[in-house]
Amino acid sequence: MAEGWIKYYAGDEANVNSAGIEAHGLNSNAVKVMAGALIDISKHKSKTISDLPDIKFDYIITVCDNAREKCPYFPGKAVRLHRSFPDPESFKGTDKEILKLFTDLRDQIEDYCFDFVHTNIKPLIPDDLDDLVKL
């Protein structure tokens, strides 16, 4: 979901790669709630870190404590950021209750990605705002 949100907010300003410690396939509830926000992640692939291209990353973001603890060293000057979100594997209840938990998680991840992109990649207020206002 984070990959989908960062791509949405950053557009062409970022090359986004997403992977985990283990590949489990796409979660159908994640696909469903993202579609509810009009973001299609159905073509995304579940990948492991070893599947990532050999590039130098600017940012490495971990979104669960397990990934943070096991994330390997990546050479370079990447800024490492961590935000712990609830683990969807722990969600229990009826299908409707679980979907609500996924929707809440989607919204939390969106808030984080919105702030990340607009703080680090694509400012909401352009640097040349004064020049634009004069036009």
Protein backbone atom coordinates (compact mmCIF):
# COMPACT_ATOMS: atom_id res chain seq x y z
CA MET A 1 0.00 0.00 0.00
CA ALA A 2 2.88 2.37 0.78
CA GLU A 3 4.32 1.85 -2.71
CA GLY A 4 0.96 2.74 -4.23
CA TRP A 5 0.58 5.91 -2.14
CA ILE A 6 4.14 7.13 -2.71
CA LYS A 7 3.79 6.60 -6.46
CA TYR A 8 0.48 8.44 -6.37
CA TYR A 9 1.76 11.48 -4.49
CA ALA A 10 5.27 11.65 -5.98
CA GLY A 11 4.32 10.95 -9.57
CA ASP A 12 7.36 11.13 -11.83
CA GLU A 13 9.47 12.71 -9.09
CA ALA A 14 10.40 9.34 -7.56
CA ASN A 15 11.39 5.85 -8.62
CA VAL A 16 9.70 3.65 -6.02
CA ASN A 17 10.80 0.11 -5.21
CA SER A 18 9.04 -2.03 -2.64
CA ALA A 19 10.10 -5.31 -1.09
CA GLY A 20 9.93 -7.28 2.11
CA ILE A 21 12.00 -9.74 4.05
CA GLU A 22 9.74 -12.48 2.66
CA ALA A 23 7.40 -12.57 -0.34
CA HIS A 24 3.82 -13.57 0.49
CA GLY A 25 1.89 -12.41 -2.55
CA LEU A 26 -0.48 -9.47 -2.67
CA ASN A 27 -3.12 -9.41 0.04
CA SER A 28 -6.54 -9.29 -1.59
CA ASN A 29 -7.85 -7.00 1.16
CA ALA A 30 -5.03 -4.53 0.52
CA VAL A 31 -5.84 -4.56 -3.20
CA LYS A 32 -9.54 -4.06 -2.42
CA VAL A 33 -9.14 -1.11 -0.03
CA MET A 34 -6.63 0.62 -2.30
CA ALA A 35 -9.09 0.23 -5.19
CA GLY A 36 -11.60 1.94 -2.91
CA ALA A 37 -9.20 4.91 -2.89
CA LEU A 38 -8.95 4.66 -6.70
CA ILE A 39 -5.37 3.34 -6.62
CA ASP A 40 -4.77 0.09 -8.48
CA ILE A 41 -2.07 -2.03 -6.87
CA SER A 42 -3.34 -5.28 -8.39
CA LYS A 43 -0.35 -5.46 -10.76
CA HIS A 44 2.23 -4.90 -8.01
CA LYS A 45 4.42 -7.89 -7.23
CA SER A 46 5.35 -9.25 -3.84
CA LYS A 47 9.16 -9.14 -3.83
CA THR A 48 12.01 -9.80 -1.45
CA ILE A 49 14.91 -7.46 -0.92
CA SER A 50 17.10 -9.68 -3.11
CA ASP A 51 14.70 -8.99 -6.02
CA LEU A 52 15.41 -5.25 -5.94
CA PRO A 53 17.61 -3.63 -8.58
CA ASP A 54 21.21 -2.93 -7.68
CA ILE A 55 20.86 0.83 -7.20
CA LYS A 56 21.71 3.34 -4.53
CA PHE A 57 18.58 4.33 -2.69
CA ASP A 58 17.91 7.83 -1.38
CA TYR A 59 15.45 6.56 1.23
CA ILE A 60 14.80 3.22 2.84
CA ILE A 61 11.48 3.10 4.62
CA THR A 62 10.49 0.21 6.83
CA VAL A 63 6.86 -0.10 7.86
CA CYS A 64 6.94 -2.97 10.34
CA ASP A 65 9.22 -3.70 13.26
CA ASN A 66 10.29 -7.10 11.90
CA ALA A 67 11.50 -5.54 8.64
CA ARG A 68 13.33 -2.82 10.55
CA GLU A 69 15.20 -5.36 12.63
CA LYS A 70 16.08 -7.62 9.69
CA CYS A 71 16.64 -5.03 6.97
CA PRO A 72 20.08 -5.63 5.46
CA TYR A 73 22.70 -3.01 5.01
CA PHE A 74 22.43 -1.04 1.78
CA PRO A 75 25.59 0.82 0.79
CA GLY A 76 25.34 4.51 0.15
CA LYS A 77 23.88 7.50 1.90
CA ALA A 78 20.25 6.38 2.03
CA VAL A 79 18.19 7.98 4.75
CA ARG A 80 16.56 5.25 6.80
CA LEU A 81 13.07 5.97 8.06
CA HIS A 82 10.81 3.76 10.11
CA ARG A 83 7.11 3.90 10.87
CA SER A 84 5.50 0.96 12.56
CA PHE A 85 2.02 0.10 11.31
CA PRO A 86 -0.27 -2.70 12.50
CA ASP A 87 0.55 -6.05 10.91
CA PRO A 88 -2.38 -7.11 8.70
CA GLU A 89 -1.57 -10.74 9.45
CA SER A 90 -2.76 -10.08 13.01
CA PHE A 91 -6.19 -8.78 11.95
CA LYS A 92 -9.01 -10.93 13.35
CA GLY A 93 -12.79 -10.79 13.04
CA THR A 94 -15.49 -11.14 10.44
CA ASP A 95 -14.70 -10.31 6.82
CA LYS A 96 -16.39 -6.94 7.31
CA GLU A 97 -14.38 -6.20 10.48
CA ILE A 98 -11.11 -7.20 8.82
CA LEU A 99 -11.89 -5.01 5.79
CA LYS A 100 -12.51 -2.09 8.18
CA LEU A 101 -9.10 -2.71 9.80
CA PHE A 102 -7.50 -2.71 6.33
CA THR A 103 -9.29 0.54 5.47
CA ASP A 104 -8.00 2.14 8.67
CA LEU A 105 -4.48 0.87 7.89
CA ARG A 106 -4.72 2.22 4.33
CA ASP A 107 -5.64 5.64 5.68
CA GLN A 108 -2.76 5.62 8.20
CA ILE A 109 -0.31 4.65 5.46
CA GLU A 110 -1.71 7.35 3.19
CA ASP A 111 -1.17 10.01 5.85
CA TYR A 112 2.42 8.88 6.36
CA CYS A 113 3.18 8.72 2.61
CA PHE A 114 1.57 12.11 1.97
CA ASP A 115 3.78 13.69 4.64
CA PHE A 116 6.88 11.80 3.47
CA VAL A 117 6.49 12.80 -0.18
CA HIS A 118 5.67 16.43 0.51
CA THR A 119 8.48 16.78 3.03
CA ASN A 120 11.21 14.94 1.10
CA ILE A 121 10.37 14.71 -2.59
CA LYS A 122 7.74 17.11 -3.87
CA PRO A 123 6.93 20.11 -1.69
CA LEU A 124 3.32 21.25 -1.64
CA ILE A 125 4.46 24.87 -1.80
CA PRO A 126 6.96 25.46 -4.63
CA ASP A 127 10.21 27.25 -3.84
CA ASP A 128 9.41 29.86 -6.46
CA LEU A 129 5.96 30.68 -5.06
CA ASP A 130 6.76 34.38 -4.77
CA ASP A 131 7.68 34.50 -8.44
CA LEU A 132 4.50 32.67 -9.40
CA VAL A 133 2.33 35.03 -7.34
CA LYS A 134 3.79 38.05 -9.16
CA LEU A 135 2.60 36.69 -12.51
